Amino acid sequence: MNHLKSTGPFLRIDEIWLSREPLDMRCGAETTLARVVQAFGMVKPHCACVFADQRANRMKILLCDGFGVWLLARRLHRGRFVWSALRSGDPVTLDALKELIERYHGLRLWNLYGQTEIAPVATVLQPEEQLPKARSAGKPVLNVETRVVDDDGNCVADGEIGEVVHRSPQ
């Protein structure tokens, strides 16, 4: 006979952060946690950070419960996770952003941009910046230098077209 009392929800999730960048599924809890901390500077309690692999048929969820972290894994035998379509590298359109925010009341979107040659994340566009700066790549993260340069590698003036370059210790 089971005499355990109900203590309410076992795990509470207040926010879900969805990564557009693939994660190597060999990563354990510490490596996955380090990637989140590098991108956001911290892991918030009761926040789930969701990652898919390159083929988008495996998922890992890093969940901070306020005392420690959980690393959950899921594998699909058929099909793919739908958000893998966001990996094109193109910014999400303003209409799509508005529809997501309208459809999922309270949704907070983070846009992370990164390159394989440097740290996993180079720039971050925070939720409150999504609509006002819809086509922006965001601000550089800690330890990443970001510049816009001309064909000769010289910085261009604000508003001018150029190539975005990043530099980091990695």
Protein backbone atom coordinates (compact mmCIF):
# COMPACT_ATOMS: atom_id res chain seq x y z
CA MET A 1 0.00 0.00 0.00
CA ASN A 2 1.35 3.42 -0.98
CA HIS A 3 1.35 5.91 1.91
CA LEU A 4 3.17 8.77 0.14
CA LYS A 5 1.40 12.11 0.36
CA SER A 6 1.07 14.27 -2.74
CA THR A 7 3.49 17.16 -2.64
CA GLY A 8 2.24 18.89 -5.78
CA PRO A 9 4.22 19.09 -9.03
CA PHE A 10 7.51 17.27 -8.85
CA LEU A 11 9.30 19.69 -11.18
CA ARG A 12 8.18 23.24 -11.85
CA ILE A 13 8.98 24.89 -15.18
CA ASP A 14 8.36 28.65 -15.46
CA GLU A 15 10.35 29.31 -18.66
CA ILE A 16 11.51 27.26 -21.63
CA TRP A 17 14.56 28.40 -23.58
CA LEU A 18 14.69 26.77 -27.03
CA SER A 19 18.07 26.62 -28.76
CA ARG A 20 18.29 27.05 -32.52
CA GLU A 21 21.88 25.79 -32.49
CA PRO A 22 22.40 22.01 -32.41
CA LEU A 23 23.98 20.33 -29.39
CA ASP A 24 26.33 17.35 -29.50
CA MET A 25 24.29 14.68 -27.73
CA ARG A 26 27.46 13.29 -26.13
CA CYS A 27 27.49 16.38 -23.88
CA GLY A 28 26.76 15.65 -20.25
CA ALA A 29 25.15 17.88 -17.65
CA GLU A 30 28.30 19.95 -16.96
CA THR A 31 29.05 20.74 -20.62
CA THR A 32 25.41 21.56 -21.35
CA LEU A 33 25.23 23.74 -18.23
CA ALA A 34 28.44 25.55 -19.27
CA ARG A 35 26.94 26.30 -22.68
CA VAL A 36 23.84 27.84 -21.09
CA VAL A 37 25.90 29.88 -18.61
CA GLN A 38 28.17 31.13 -21.38
CA ALA A 39 25.15 32.29 -23.40
CA PHE A 40 23.05 33.79 -20.60
CA GLY A 41 25.50 34.36 -17.75
CA MET A 42 23.43 32.11 -15.46
CA VAL A 43 20.82 29.40 -15.29
CA LYS A 44 17.53 30.53 -13.84
CA PRO A 45 15.71 28.27 -11.37
CA HIS A 46 12.69 26.50 -12.86
CA CYS A 47 13.89 27.13 -16.41
CA ALA A 48 14.18 24.39 -19.04
CA CYS A 49 16.84 24.83 -21.74
CA VAL A 50 15.95 22.66 -24.74
CA PHE A 51 18.46 21.49 -27.36
CA ALA A 52 18.25 19.21 -30.39
CA ASP A 53 21.04 17.47 -32.25
CA GLN A 54 22.09 18.25 -35.84
CA ARG A 55 19.58 15.77 -37.33
CA ALA A 56 16.82 17.07 -35.00
CA ASN A 57 15.75 13.59 -33.93
CA ARG A 58 17.27 13.75 -30.43
CA MET A 59 16.59 16.28 -27.69
CA LYS A 60 18.23 17.21 -24.39
CA ILE A 61 16.60 19.35 -21.75
CA LEU A 62 18.64 20.98 -19.00
CA LEU A 63 16.36 21.84 -16.10
CA CYS A 64 17.40 23.77 -13.02
CA ASP A 65 15.07 22.99 -10.09
CA GLY A 66 16.60 25.53 -7.69
CA PHE A 67 18.82 22.92 -5.98
CA GLY A 68 20.68 21.37 -8.90
CA VAL A 69 20.26 20.47 -12.54
CA TRP A 70 18.51 17.66 -14.37
CA LEU A 71 19.59 16.54 -17.83
CA LEU A 72 16.82 14.74 -19.69
CA ALA A 73 17.19 13.04 -23.07
CA ARG A 74 14.62 12.05 -25.71
CA ARG A 75 15.09 10.23 -29.02
CA LEU A 76 12.57 10.02 -31.84
CA HIS A 77 12.51 6.80 -33.84
CA ARG A 78 10.73 8.60 -36.71
CA GLY A 79 10.43 12.24 -37.68
CA ARG A 80 12.11 15.40 -36.43
CA PHE A 81 11.50 18.08 -33.85
CA VAL A 82 9.71 20.96 -35.57
CA TRP A 83 11.84 23.85 -34.39
CA SER A 84 14.79 22.53 -36.42
CA ALA A 85 13.31 24.53 -39.32
CA LEU A 86 14.46 27.68 -37.47
CA ARG A 87 18.09 26.70 -38.02
CA SER A 88 18.37 28.30 -41.43
CA GLY A 89 20.41 31.14 -39.97
CA ASP A 90 17.92 33.68 -41.25
CA PRO A 91 16.23 35.87 -38.68
CA VAL A 92 12.65 34.97 -37.79
CA THR A 93 10.33 37.34 -39.68
CA LEU A 94 8.53 40.11 -37.81
CA ASP A 95 5.16 38.58 -38.74
CA ALA A 96 6.23 35.19 -37.37
CA LEU A 97 7.49 36.82 -34.16
CA LYS A 98 4.22 38.67 -33.66
CA GLU A 99 2.22 35.50 -34.30
CA LEU A 100 4.28 33.47 -31.81
CA ILE A 101 3.97 36.13 -29.11
CA GLU A 102 0.24 36.52 -29.76
CA ARG A 103 -0.48 32.79 -29.88
CA TYR A 104 1.59 31.85 -26.83
CA HIS A 105 0.79 34.58 -24.31
CA GLY A 106 3.77 35.33 -22.10
CA LEU A 107 6.26 33.71 -24.48
CA ARG A 108 9.76 35.14 -24.01
CA LEU A 109 12.01 34.54 -27.03
CA TRP A 110 15.80 34.71 -26.93
CA ASN A 111 17.72 34.87 -30.21
CA LEU A 112 21.24 33.45 -29.95
CA TYR A 113 23.72 33.66 -32.81
CA GLY A 114 26.91 31.67 -32.90
CA GLN A 115 29.58 30.15 -35.10
CA THR A 116 31.39 26.87 -34.79
CA GLU A 117 34.78 28.62 -35.00
CA ILE A 118 34.29 30.48 -31.70
CA ALA A 119 32.34 30.04 -28.47
CA PRO A 120 28.93 28.39 -28.96
CA VAL A 121 27.20 31.79 -28.79
CA ALA A 122 28.48 35.12 -30.11
CA THR A 123 25.48 37.44 -29.68
CA VAL A 124 22.18 37.47 -27.77
CA LEU A 125 18.94 39.31 -28.52
CA GLN A 126 16.87 39.35 -25.31
CA PRO A 127 13.07 38.92 -25.15
CA GLU A 128 12.29 42.61 -24.64
CA GLU A 129 14.36 43.43 -27.76
CA GLN A 130 12.65 40.93 -30.12
CA LEU A 131 10.02 43.24 -31.65
CA PRO A 132 11.83 46.62 -31.52
CA LYS A 133 15.02 45.12 -33.02
CA ALA A 134 13.47 42.24 -34.97
CA ARG A 135 16.27 41.72 -37.52
CA SER A 136 19.14 42.36 -35.12
CA ALA A 137 21.61 39.65 -34.09
CA GLY A 138 21.73 41.19 -30.61
CA LYS A 139 24.62 42.20 -28.38
CA PRO A 140 27.93 40.33 -28.00
CA VAL A 141 28.18 37.95 -25.04
CA LEU A 142 30.94 38.07 -22.45
CA ASN A 143 34.43 37.53 -23.93
CA VAL A 144 33.30 37.94 -27.55
CA GLU A 145 34.39 40.96 -29.60
CA THR A 146 32.04 41.76 -32.48
CA ARG A 147 32.75 44.30 -35.23
CA VAL A 148 31.36 45.24 -38.64
CA VAL A 149 34.17 45.73 -41.16
CA ASP A 150 34.71 46.63 -44.82
CA ASP A 151 36.59 44.52 -47.40
CA ASP A 152 39.94 45.71 -45.97
CA GLY A 153 39.07 44.78 -42.37
CA ASN A 154 38.46 48.37 -41.24
CA CYS A 155 35.48 49.14 -38.98
CA VAL A 156 32.57 50.79 -40.80
CA ALA A 157 30.50 53.67 -39.44
CA ASP A 158 27.15 53.01 -37.76
CA GLY A 159 24.45 52.19 -40.32
CA GLU A 160 26.91 51.22 -43.08
CA ILE A 161 26.91 47.79 -44.68
CA GLY A 162 29.82 45.48 -43.92
CA GLU A 163 30.79 42.01 -42.78
CA VAL A 164 30.18 40.94 -39.17
CA VAL A 165 33.30 39.44 -37.58
CA HIS A 166 33.69 37.91 -34.12
CA ARG A 167 36.71 37.13 -32.00
CA SER A 168 36.82 35.15 -28.77
CA PRO A 169 39.43 33.37 -26.65
CA GLN A 170 38.20 29.97 -27.94
